[in-house]
Amino acid sequence: MKIAHRSACVAALALPLFVAGCSLLPTTRHLPVPKAPVLVRSATPQELVEQLNQRWDALETLTATVEIQATEFKTTEGIEKDFPSSRGYILMRKPRMLRVMGTYFGVPIFNMASDGSNFTLVIPSKNLVIKGANTVTEKNLSSPLLNLRPDFFLDAIAVRGLEPNEEYMVMNDTETIEDTAKKHLYKEPEYVLSIMRPKAGREKLPVRVITFRRDDMMPYDQDIYDSQGNLETQVIYSNYAEFSAGKYPSKVTIKRPQEGIQLTLTVVDVHENIQLSDSQFQVKIPSGATVRQLK
């Protein structure tokens, strides 16, 4: 009688589960299986570095038309602020000459030129001119945006080759990427190139970390470190497309975590190795403008 009573209790407890469509038995469901790319290229560490150096050595000048979207992050306040996008024009000439101009509906909003050592920035709406060195010798902690100098932009728009005093190592990695729209997972085999500079003793300082996807061997991520080995700039290169300059990312995202700023460049057009004169890397200072010198 006790056994019969217990069986009745179990049946009474199980009945609502079956009525609700539940099952006490294990269920099987299909999960998305990561898809590997059709083509996976291989290269030795030396070949990878040689390819990077060859691309950089072949580049003398670069000109680009872009849309610039700036975003400011105030993480302590939980605020993200997007600024109106502007049409930008970029001129670069090796070794480190840079010109960046921004317009809003055809009206100039900034004009910056750098000779590789010093820069001049003109802001017409404020009748203000800012001058300073390309390299920050002492960081401004109260106003982090003043630490933004042309070098970070220059290092982001083109991936430089290695310097003679730099060392490197290469690792294999695989990233799994989710395409939420198509409900697919994709495997992205990668090479991760770590570039270091020797310090005192056996210590080495990180200089850059560049990630190459092995389907096309193009750089997709670049982390850039300052002279103290701190992460300073993160760059994401995406949506590679064919331009007159060849294959180039149609979107470049530049993140500066220390200043809480992000620049997204949507590339409209890009050219390489067009002759650029010295005068194209000079800006005219408006008469009566206030000139501010940065340290």
C-alpha atoms as a PDB file:
ATOM      1  CA  MET A   1       0.000   0.000   0.000  1.00  0.00           C
ATOM      2  CA  LYS A   2       2.838   2.382   0.737  1.00  0.00           C
ATOM      3  CA  ILE A   3       4.429   1.689  -2.661  1.00  0.00           C
ATOM      4  CA  ALA A   4       1.184   2.325  -4.487  1.00  0.00           C
ATOM      5  CA  HIS A   5       0.682   5.558  -2.578  1.00  0.00           C
ATOM      6  CA  ARG A   6       4.215   6.768  -3.461  1.00  0.00           C
ATOM      7  CA  SER A   7       3.678   5.980  -7.166  1.00  0.00           C
ATOM      8  CA  ALA A   8       0.475   7.951  -7.127  1.00  0.00           C
ATOM      9  CA  CYS A   9       2.305  10.941  -5.618  1.00  0.00           C
ATOM     10  CA  VAL A  10       5.028  10.822  -8.295  1.00  0.00           C
ATOM     11  CA  ALA A  11       2.401  10.643 -11.031  1.00  0.00           C
ATOM     12  CA  ALA A  12       0.561  13.583  -9.504  1.00  0.00           C
ATOM     13  CA  LEU A  13       3.761  15.653  -9.454  1.00  0.00           C
ATOM     14  CA  ALA A  14       4.781  14.687 -12.993  1.00  0.00           C
ATOM     15  CA  LEU A  15       1.379  15.359 -14.566  1.00  0.00           C
ATOM     16  CA  PRO A  16       1.658  19.185 -14.571  1.00  0.00           C
ATOM     17  CA  LEU A  17       5.066  18.964 -16.308  1.00  0.00           C
ATOM     18  CA  PHE A  18       3.677  16.876 -19.173  1.00  0.00           C
ATOM     19  CA  VAL A  19       0.573  19.019 -19.423  1.00  0.00           C
ATOM     20  CA  ALA A  20       2.811  22.101 -19.694  1.00  0.00           C
ATOM     21  CA  GLY A  21       4.782  20.450 -22.489  1.00  0.00           C
ATOM     22  CA  CYS A  22       7.896  19.794 -20.364  1.00  0.00           C
ATOM     23  CA  SER A  23       9.858  16.582 -20.335  1.00  0.00           C
ATOM     24  CA  LEU A  24      11.940  14.947 -17.688  1.00  0.00           C
ATOM     25  CA  LEU A  25      14.121  13.373 -20.384  1.00  0.00           C
ATOM     26  CA  PRO A  26      17.220  15.122 -21.812  1.00  0.00           C
ATOM     27  CA  THR A  27      16.556  17.317 -24.853  1.00  0.00           C
ATOM     28  CA  THR A  28      18.823  17.939 -27.816  1.00  0.00           C
ATOM     29  CA  ARG A  29      19.119  21.185 -29.753  1.00  0.00           C
ATOM     30  CA  HIS A  30      21.383  22.269 -32.579  1.00  0.00           C
ATOM     31  CA  LEU A  31      23.910  25.013 -31.875  1.00  0.00           C
ATOM     32  CA  PRO A  32      25.587  27.058 -34.620  1.00  0.00           C
ATOM     33  CA  VAL A  33      28.882  25.520 -35.697  1.00  0.00           C
ATOM     34  CA  PRO A  34      31.586  28.132 -36.390  1.00  0.00           C
ATOM     35  CA  LYS A  35      32.363  28.313 -40.092  1.00  0.00           C
ATOM     36  CA  ALA A  36      35.976  28.539 -41.179  1.00  0.00           C
ATOM     37  CA  PRO A  37      37.012  30.801 -44.077  1.00  0.00           C
ATOM     38  CA  VAL A  38      37.411  29.171 -47.474  1.00  0.00           C
ATOM     39  CA  LEU A  39      40.987  30.426 -47.773  1.00  0.00           C
ATOM     40  CA  VAL A  40      43.515  30.449 -44.930  1.00  0.00           C
ATOM     41  CA  ARG A  41      46.952  31.771 -45.840  1.00  0.00           C
ATOM     42  CA  SER A  42      50.161  30.887 -44.040  1.00  0.00           C
ATOM     43  CA  ALA A  43      53.347  32.843 -43.483  1.00  0.00           C
ATOM     44  CA  THR A  44      56.430  32.490 -41.339  1.00  0.00           C
ATOM     45  CA  PRO A  45      57.057  35.293 -38.809  1.00  0.00           C
ATOM     46  CA  GLN A  46      59.807  36.649 -41.040  1.00  0.00           C
ATOM     47  CA  GLU A  47      57.540  36.607 -44.101  1.00  0.00           C
ATOM     48  CA  LEU A  48      54.787  38.408 -42.181  1.00  0.00           C
ATOM     49  CA  VAL A  49      57.173  41.180 -41.137  1.00  0.00           C
ATOM     50  CA  GLU A  50      58.599  41.418 -44.643  1.00  0.00           C
ATOM     51  CA  GLN A  51      55.107  41.852 -46.105  1.00  0.00           C
ATOM     52  CA  LEU A  52      54.345  44.605 -43.577  1.00  0.00           C
ATOM     53  CA  ASN A  53      57.628  46.378 -44.303  1.00  0.00           C
ATOM     54  CA  GLN A  54      57.125  46.113 -48.065  1.00  0.00           C
ATOM     55  CA  ARG A  55      53.682  47.745 -47.875  1.00  0.00           C
ATOM     56  CA  TRP A  56      55.048  50.530 -45.692  1.00  0.00           C
ATOM     57  CA  ASP A  57      58.176  51.082 -47.833  1.00  0.00           C
ATOM     58  CA  ALA A  58      56.028  51.350 -50.973  1.00  0.00           C
ATOM     59  CA  LEU A  59      53.980  54.175 -49.414  1.00  0.00           C
ATOM     60  CA  GLU A  60      55.340  57.710 -49.752  1.00  0.00           C
ATOM     61  CA  THR A  61      52.185  59.828 -49.555  1.00  0.00           C
ATOM     62  CA  LEU A  62      48.539  59.228 -48.747  1.00  0.00           C
ATOM     63  CA  THR A  63      45.503  61.429 -49.359  1.00  0.00           C
ATOM     64  CA  ALA A  64      42.003  60.551 -48.207  1.00  0.00           C
ATOM     65  CA  THR A  65      38.517  61.989 -48.019  1.00  0.00           C
ATOM     66  CA  VAL A  66      36.651  60.777 -44.955  1.00  0.00           C
ATOM     67  CA  GLU A  67      33.657  61.373 -42.729  1.00  0.00           C
ATOM     68  CA  ILE A  68      34.822  61.977 -39.152  1.00  0.00           C
ATOM     69  CA  GLN A  69      32.613  61.055 -36.202  1.00  0.00           C
ATOM     70  CA  ALA A  70      33.980  61.986 -32.767  1.00  0.00           C
ATOM     71  CA  THR A  71      32.675  60.462 -29.533  1.00  0.00           C
ATOM     72  CA  GLU A  72      33.639  61.463 -25.993  1.00  0.00           C
ATOM     73  CA  PHE A  73      33.295  59.001 -23.118  1.00  0.00           C
ATOM     74  CA  LYS A  74      32.992  60.049 -19.490  1.00  0.00           C
ATOM     75  CA  THR A  75      33.014  56.631 -17.865  1.00  0.00           C
ATOM     76  CA  THR A  76      32.912  57.911 -14.282  1.00  0.00           C
ATOM     77  CA  GLU A  77      29.715  59.805 -15.092  1.00  0.00           C
ATOM     78  CA  GLY A  78      28.272  57.157 -17.408  1.00  0.00           C
ATOM     79  CA  ILE A  79      28.030  59.640 -20.282  1.00  0.00           C
ATOM     80  CA  GLU A  80      28.705  59.088 -23.977  1.00  0.00           C
ATOM     81  CA  LYS A  81      28.610  62.201 -26.181  1.00  0.00           C
ATOM     82  CA  ASP A  82      28.556  62.116 -29.996  1.00  0.00           C
ATOM     83  CA  PHE A  83      29.662  65.208 -31.880  1.00  0.00           C
ATOM     84  CA  PRO A  84      28.234  66.108 -35.313  1.00  0.00           C
ATOM     85  CA  SER A  85      30.104  64.315 -38.088  1.00  0.00           C
ATOM     86  CA  SER A  86      32.247  66.370 -40.442  1.00  0.00           C
ATOM     87  CA  ARG A  87      33.833  65.906 -43.849  1.00  0.00           C
ATOM     88  CA  GLY A  88      37.574  65.498 -43.443  1.00  0.00           C
ATOM     89  CA  TYR A  89      40.541  65.695 -45.790  1.00  0.00           C
ATOM     90  CA  ILE A  90      43.786  63.970 -44.868  1.00  0.00           C
ATOM     91  CA  LEU A  91      47.237  64.485 -46.385  1.00  0.00           C
ATOM     92  CA  MET A  92      50.228  62.443 -45.225  1.00  0.00           C
ATOM     93  CA  ARG A  93      53.821  62.468 -46.458  1.00  0.00           C
ATOM     94  CA  LYS A  94      56.640  60.405 -45.045  1.00  0.00           C
ATOM     95  CA  PRO A  95      58.388  60.545 -42.729  1.00  0.00           C
ATOM     96  CA  ARG A  96      55.819  62.313 -40.487  1.00  0.00           C
ATOM     97  CA  MET A  97      54.181  65.270 -42.242  1.00  0.00           C
ATOM     98  CA  LEU A  98      50.419  65.507 -41.765  1.00  0.00           C
ATOM     99  CA  ARG A  99      47.548  67.802 -42.722  1.00  0.00           C
ATOM    100  CA  VAL A 100      43.955  67.264 -41.576  1.00  0.00           C
ATOM    101  CA  MET A 101      41.095  69.627 -42.472  1.00  0.00           C
ATOM    102  CA  GLY A 102      37.489  69.373 -41.318  1.00  0.00           C
ATOM    103  CA  THR A 103      34.374  71.048 -42.714  1.00  0.00           C
ATOM    104  CA  TYR A 104      30.723  71.089 -41.706  1.00  0.00           C
ATOM    105  CA  PHE A 105      28.358  71.667 -44.640  1.00  0.00           C
ATOM    106  CA  GLY A 106      31.255  73.250 -46.493  1.00  0.00           C
ATOM    107  CA  VAL A 107      32.244  75.575 -43.636  1.00  0.00           C
ATOM    108  CA  PRO A 108      35.792  75.032 -42.271  1.00  0.00           C
ATOM    109  CA  ILE A 109      35.738  73.971 -38.614  1.00  0.00           C
ATOM    110  CA  PHE A 110      39.416  73.064 -38.128  1.00  0.00           C
ATOM    111  CA  ASN A 111      42.673  73.019 -40.053  1.00  0.00           C
ATOM    112  CA  MET A 112      45.760  71.286 -38.691  1.00  0.00           C
ATOM    113  CA  ALA A 113      49.247  70.883 -40.130  1.00  0.00           C
ATOM    114  CA  SER A 114      52.314  69.140 -38.735  1.00  0.00           C
ATOM    115  CA  ASP A 115      55.894  69.124 -40.008  1.00  0.00           C
ATOM    116  CA  GLY A 116      56.670  65.984 -38.011  1.00  0.00           C
ATOM    117  CA  SER A 117      57.981  67.809 -34.943  1.00  0.00           C
ATOM    118  CA  ASN A 118      55.480  70.596 -34.268  1.00  0.00           C
ATOM    119  CA  PHE A 119      51.878  71.270 -35.255  1.00  0.00           C
ATOM    120  CA  THR A 120      49.571  74.233 -35.776  1.00  0.00           C
ATOM    121  CA  LEU A 121      45.798  73.919 -35.358  1.00  0.00           C
ATOM    122  CA  VAL A 122      43.437  76.676 -36.526  1.00  0.00           C
ATOM    123  CA  ILE A 123      39.837  76.776 -35.227  1.00  0.00           C
ATOM    124  CA  PRO A 124      38.088  79.537 -37.245  1.00  0.00           C
ATOM    125  CA  SER A 125      34.863  79.657 -35.205  1.00  0.00           C
ATOM    126  CA  LYS A 126      36.832  80.629 -32.089  1.00  0.00           C
ATOM    127  CA  ASN A 127      39.500  82.625 -33.936  1.00  0.00           C
ATOM    128  CA  LEU A 128      41.915  80.407 -32.042  1.00  0.00           C
ATOM    129  CA  VAL A 129      45.287  78.949 -33.010  1.00  0.00           C
ATOM    130  CA  ILE A 130      46.872  76.136 -30.995  1.00  0.00           C
ATOM    131  CA  LYS A 131      50.539  75.286 -31.401  1.00  0.00           C
ATOM    132  CA  GLY A 132      52.632  72.605 -29.790  1.00  0.00           C
ATOM    133  CA  ALA A 133      55.037  69.713 -30.129  1.00  0.00           C
ATOM    134  CA  ASN A 134      53.908  66.469 -31.709  1.00  0.00           C
ATOM    135  CA  THR A 135      55.129  64.545 -28.691  1.00  0.00           C
ATOM    136  CA  VAL A 136      53.755  65.190 -25.213  1.00  0.00           C
ATOM    137  CA  THR A 137      56.602  65.464 -22.712  1.00  0.00           C
ATOM    138  CA  GLU A 138      54.355  65.890 -19.680  1.00  0.00           C
ATOM    139  CA  LYS A 139      50.755  64.669 -19.813  1.00  0.00           C
ATOM    140  CA  ASN A 140      47.964  67.033 -18.807  1.00  0.00           C
ATOM    141  CA  LEU A 141      45.849  65.123 -16.287  1.00  0.00           C
ATOM    142  CA  SER A 142      43.247  67.847 -15.730  1.00  0.00           C
ATOM    143  CA  SER A 143      42.489  68.231 -19.470  1.00  0.00           C
ATOM    144  CA  PRO A 144      43.243  64.880 -21.148  1.00  0.00           C
ATOM    145  CA  LEU A 145      42.112  66.127 -24.574  1.00  0.00           C
ATOM    146  CA  LEU A 146      45.173  68.395 -24.666  1.00  0.00           C
ATOM    147  CA  ASN A 147      47.275  65.221 -24.860  1.00  0.00           C
ATOM    148  CA  LEU A 148      45.893  64.484 -28.330  1.00  0.00           C
ATOM    149  CA  ARG A 149      48.691  65.307 -30.752  1.00  0.00           C
ATOM    150  CA  PRO A 150      49.064  64.571 -34.493  1.00  0.00           C
ATOM    151  CA  ASP A 151      51.269  61.509 -34.004  1.00  0.00           C
ATOM    152  CA  PHE A 152      48.396  59.315 -32.791  1.00  0.00           C
ATOM    153  CA  PHE A 153      46.421  60.109 -35.936  1.00  0.00           C
ATOM    154  CA  LEU A 154      49.433  59.579 -38.183  1.00  0.00           C
ATOM    155  CA  ASP A 155      50.185  56.173 -36.660  1.00  0.00           C
ATOM    156  CA  ALA A 156      46.567  55.070 -37.114  1.00  0.00           C
ATOM    157  CA  ILE A 157      45.854  55.868 -40.763  1.00  0.00           C
ATOM    158  CA  ALA A 158      48.740  53.735 -42.053  1.00  0.00           C
ATOM    159  CA  VAL A 159      50.340  50.715 -40.380  1.00  0.00           C
ATOM    160  CA  ARG A 160      54.046  51.414 -40.184  1.00  0.00           C
ATOM    161  CA  GLY A 161      56.841  48.949 -40.748  1.00  0.00           C
ATOM    162  CA  LEU A 162      59.327  47.936 -38.074  1.00  0.00           C
ATOM    163  CA  GLU A 163      62.246  50.073 -36.968  1.00  0.00           C
ATOM    164  CA  PRO A 164      65.752  48.540 -37.032  1.00  0.00           C
ATOM    165  CA  ASN A 165      65.988  48.466 -33.216  1.00  0.00           C
ATOM    166  CA  GLU A 166      62.644  46.712 -32.724  1.00  0.00           C
ATOM    167  CA  GLU A 167      62.138  43.027 -32.019  1.00  0.00           C
ATOM    168  CA  TYR A 168      59.074  40.903 -32.693  1.00  0.00           C
ATOM    169  CA  MET A 169      57.308  37.630 -32.152  1.00  0.00           C
ATOM    170  CA  VAL A 170      54.268  36.079 -33.855  1.00  0.00           C
ATOM    171  CA  MET A 171      51.519  33.901 -32.392  1.00  0.00           C
ATOM    172  CA  ASN A 172      48.652  31.987 -33.984  1.00  0.00           C
ATOM    173  CA  ASP A 173      45.173  32.724 -32.724  1.00  0.00           C
ATOM    174  CA  THR A 174      41.566  32.121 -33.753  1.00  0.00           C
ATOM    175  CA  GLU A 175      38.709  34.503 -33.036  1.00  0.00           C
ATOM    176  CA  THR A 176      35.061  33.432 -33.144  1.00  0.00           C
ATOM    177  CA  ILE A 177      32.777  36.146 -34.545  1.00  0.00           C
ATOM    178  CA  GLU A 178      28.988  36.097 -34.307  1.00  0.00           C
ATOM    179  CA  ASP A 179      26.809  37.332 -37.147  1.00  0.00           C
ATOM    180  CA  THR A 180      23.571  38.017 -35.265  1.00  0.00           C
ATOM    181  CA  ALA A 181      21.631  38.861 -38.427  1.00  0.00           C
ATOM    182  CA  LYS A 182      22.398  35.544 -40.146  1.00  0.00           C
ATOM    183  CA  LYS A 183      22.717  33.611 -36.865  1.00  0.00           C
ATOM    184  CA  HIS A 184      26.107  32.258 -37.866  1.00  0.00           C
ATOM    185  CA  LEU A 185      29.417  31.919 -36.098  1.00  0.00           C
ATOM    186  CA  TYR A 186      32.611  32.456 -38.047  1.00  0.00           C
ATOM    187  CA  LYS A 187      36.146  31.387 -37.235  1.00  0.00           C
ATOM    188  CA  GLU A 188      38.803  33.962 -38.035  1.00  0.00           C
ATOM    189  CA  PRO A 189      42.324  32.463 -37.969  1.00  0.00           C
ATOM    190  CA  GLU A 190      44.786  35.234 -37.129  1.00  0.00           C
ATOM    191  CA  TYR A 191      48.437  36.062 -36.757  1.00  0.00           C
ATOM    192  CA  VAL A 192      49.244  38.341 -33.808  1.00  0.00           C
ATOM    193  CA  LEU A 193      52.458  40.313 -34.323  1.00  0.00           C
ATOM    194  CA  SER A 194      53.928  41.750 -31.111  1.00  0.00           C
ATOM    195  CA  ILE A 195      56.587  44.434 -31.612  1.00  0.00           C
ATOM    196  CA  MET A 196      58.912  45.280 -28.730  1.00  0.00           C
ATOM    197  CA  ARG A 197      61.834  47.551 -27.990  1.00  0.00           C
ATOM    198  CA  PRO A 198      64.711  46.438 -25.720  1.00  0.00           C
ATOM    199  CA  LYS A 199      65.048  48.265 -22.428  1.00  0.00           C
ATOM    200  CA  ALA A 200      67.691  48.045 -19.736  1.00  0.00           C
ATOM    201  CA  GLY A 201      68.769  44.489 -19.013  1.00  0.00           C
ATOM    202  CA  ARG A 202      66.511  41.836 -20.469  1.00  0.00           C
ATOM    203  CA  GLU A 203      63.321  43.879 -20.136  1.00  0.00           C
ATOM    204  CA  LYS A 204      61.401  44.733 -23.302  1.00  0.00           C
ATOM    205  CA  LEU A 205      58.784  47.431 -23.746  1.00  0.00           C
ATOM    206  CA  PRO A 206      55.737  46.792 -25.938  1.00  0.00           C
ATOM    207  CA  VAL A 207      55.561  49.122 -28.923  1.00  0.00           C
ATOM    208  CA  ARG A 208      52.678  47.770 -31.017  1.00  0.00           C
ATOM    209  CA  VAL A 209      50.519  44.666 -31.380  1.00  0.00           C
ATOM    210  CA  ILE A 210      49.077  44.103 -34.866  1.00  0.00           C
ATOM    211  CA  THR A 211      46.495  41.433 -35.697  1.00  0.00           C
ATOM    212  CA  PHE A 212      46.337  40.053 -39.236  1.00  0.00           C
ATOM    213  CA  ARG A 213      43.474  37.931 -40.536  1.00  0.00           C
ATOM    214  CA  ARG A 214      44.770  35.010 -42.489  1.00  0.00           C
ATOM    215  CA  ASP A 215      42.181  35.058 -45.272  1.00  0.00           C
ATOM    216  CA  ASP A 216      43.738  38.192 -46.815  1.00  0.00           C
ATOM    217  CA  MET A 217      46.757  38.856 -44.537  1.00  0.00           C
ATOM    218  CA  MET A 218      45.605  42.438 -43.926  1.00  0.00           C
ATOM    219  CA  PRO A 219      45.851  44.190 -40.526  1.00  0.00           C
ATOM    220  CA  TYR A 220      42.546  44.446 -38.663  1.00  0.00           C
ATOM    221  CA  ASP A 221      43.637  45.634 -35.214  1.00  0.00           C
ATOM    222  CA  GLN A 222      46.560  47.669 -33.950  1.00  0.00           C
ATOM    223  CA  ASP A 223      47.353  48.483 -30.321  1.00  0.00           C
ATOM    224  CA  ILE A 224      49.917  51.246 -29.881  1.00  0.00           C
ATOM    225  CA  TYR A 225      51.835  51.807 -26.621  1.00  0.00           C
ATOM    226  CA  ASP A 226      53.544  54.909 -25.273  1.00  0.00           C
ATOM    227  CA  SER A 227      57.208  55.216 -24.282  1.00  0.00           C
ATOM    228  CA  GLN A 228      56.396  53.798 -20.824  1.00  0.00           C
ATOM    229  CA  GLY A 229      54.687  50.695 -22.184  1.00  0.00           C
ATOM    230  CA  ASN A 230      51.128  51.868 -21.465  1.00  0.00           C
ATOM    231  CA  LEU A 231      48.342  51.225 -23.976  1.00  0.00           C
ATOM    232  CA  GLU A 232      47.731  54.571 -25.667  1.00  0.00           C
ATOM    233  CA  THR A 233      45.813  54.005 -28.916  1.00  0.00           C
ATOM    234  CA  GLN A 234      43.609  51.194 -30.209  1.00  0.00           C
ATOM    235  CA  VAL A 235      42.821  51.084 -33.921  1.00  0.00           C
ATOM    236  CA  ILE A 236      40.291  48.835 -35.675  1.00  0.00           C
ATOM    237  CA  TYR A 237      40.453  48.492 -39.465  1.00  0.00           C
ATOM    238  CA  SER A 238      37.283  47.038 -40.978  1.00  0.00           C
ATOM    239  CA  ASN A 239      35.294  46.657 -44.197  1.00  0.00           C
ATOM    240  CA  TYR A 240      38.250  46.513 -46.559  1.00  0.00           C
ATOM    241  CA  ALA A 241      37.361  47.680 -50.077  1.00  0.00           C
ATOM    242  CA  GLU A 242      39.087  48.386 -53.370  1.00  0.00           C
ATOM    243  CA  PHE A 243      40.023  52.048 -53.857  1.00  0.00           C
ATOM    244  CA  SER A 244      42.275  53.668 -56.426  1.00  0.00           C
ATOM    245  CA  ALA A 245      45.049  53.160 -53.867  1.00  0.00           C
ATOM    246  CA  GLY A 246      44.276  49.436 -53.750  1.00  0.00           C
ATOM    247  CA  LYS A 247      42.790  47.564 -50.825  1.00  0.00           C
ATOM    248  CA  TYR A 248      42.138  49.854 -47.877  1.00  0.00           C
ATOM    249  CA  PRO A 249      39.756  49.746 -44.875  1.00  0.00           C
ATOM    250  CA  SER A 250      36.595  51.731 -45.536  1.00  0.00           C
ATOM    251  CA  LYS A 251      36.209  52.214 -41.785  1.00  0.00           C
ATOM    252  CA  VAL A 252      38.942  53.114 -39.295  1.00  0.00           C
ATOM    253  CA  THR A 253      38.052  53.374 -35.606  1.00  0.00           C
ATOM    254  CA  ILE A 254      40.613  55.106 -33.391  1.00  0.00           C
ATOM    255  CA  LYS A 255      40.201  54.766 -29.626  1.00  0.00           C
ATOM    256  CA  ARG A 256      42.114  56.731 -27.009  1.00  0.00           C
ATOM    257  CA  PRO A 257      41.168  55.137 -23.664  1.00  0.00           C
ATOM    258  CA  GLN A 258      43.220  57.532 -21.523  1.00  0.00           C
ATOM    259  CA  GLU A 259      41.479  60.619 -22.948  1.00  0.00           C
ATOM    260  CA  GLY A 260      38.070  58.956 -23.351  1.00  0.00           C
ATOM    261  CA  ILE A 261      37.822  59.857 -27.027  1.00  0.00           C
ATOM    262  CA  GLN A 262      36.994  57.836 -30.130  1.00  0.00           C
ATOM    263  CA  LEU A 263      37.264  58.878 -33.768  1.00  0.00           C
ATOM    264  CA  THR A 264      35.505  56.894 -36.479  1.00  0.00           C
ATOM    265  CA  LEU A 265      36.688  57.553 -40.016  1.00  0.00           C
ATOM    266  CA  THR A 266      34.435  56.418 -42.855  1.00  0.00           C
ATOM    267  CA  VAL A 267      36.655  56.444 -45.931  1.00  0.00           C
ATOM    268  CA  VAL A 268      35.108  57.946 -49.049  1.00  0.00           C
ATOM    269  CA  ASP A 269      38.213  57.942 -51.229  1.00  0.00           C
ATOM    270  CA  VAL A 270      41.928  57.294 -50.792  1.00  0.00           C
ATOM    271  CA  HIS A 271      44.992  57.718 -53.005  1.00  0.00           C
ATOM    272  CA  GLU A 272      48.638  56.794 -52.546  1.00  0.00           C
ATOM    273  CA  ASN A 273      51.893  58.303 -53.800  1.00  0.00           C
ATOM    274  CA  ILE A 274      50.479  61.534 -55.214  1.00  0.00           C
ATOM    275  CA  GLN A 275      53.085  64.293 -55.183  1.00  0.00           C
ATOM    276  CA  LEU A 276      52.508  66.687 -52.272  1.00  0.00           C
ATOM    277  CA  SER A 277      54.393  69.960 -51.851  1.00  0.00           C
ATOM    278  CA  ASP A 278      55.646  71.537 -48.630  1.00  0.00           C
ATOM    279  CA  SER A 279      53.061  74.322 -48.946  1.00  0.00           C
ATOM    280  CA  GLN A 280      50.263  71.762 -48.621  1.00  0.00           C
ATOM    281  CA  PHE A 281      51.456  71.097 -45.078  1.00  0.00           C
ATOM    282  CA  GLN A 282      51.186  74.705 -43.943  1.00  0.00           C
ATOM    283  CA  VAL A 283      48.232  76.617 -42.494  1.00  0.00           C
ATOM    284  CA  LYS A 284      47.644  80.340 -42.574  1.00  0.00           C
ATOM    285  CA  ILE A 285      47.180  81.972 -39.179  1.00  0.00           C
ATOM    286  CA  PRO A 286      44.266  84.465 -39.259  1.00  0.00           C
ATOM    287  CA  SER A 287      45.090  88.033 -38.301  1.00  0.00           C
ATOM    288  CA  GLY A 288      44.013  88.891 -34.782  1.00  0.00           C
ATOM    289  CA  ALA A 289      43.683  85.235 -33.768  1.00  0.00           C
ATOM    290  CA  THR A 290      44.513  84.172 -30.216  1.00  0.00           C
ATOM    291  CA  VAL A 291      47.560  81.890 -30.232  1.00  0.00           C
ATOM    292  CA  ARG A 292      47.842  79.259 -27.498  1.00  0.00           C
ATOM    293  CA  GLN A 293      51.066  77.351 -26.983  1.00  0.00           C
ATOM    294  CA  LEU A 294      50.903  73.820 -25.564  1.00  0.00           C
ATOM    295  CA  LYS A 295      53.773  72.206 -23.709  1.00  0.00           C
END
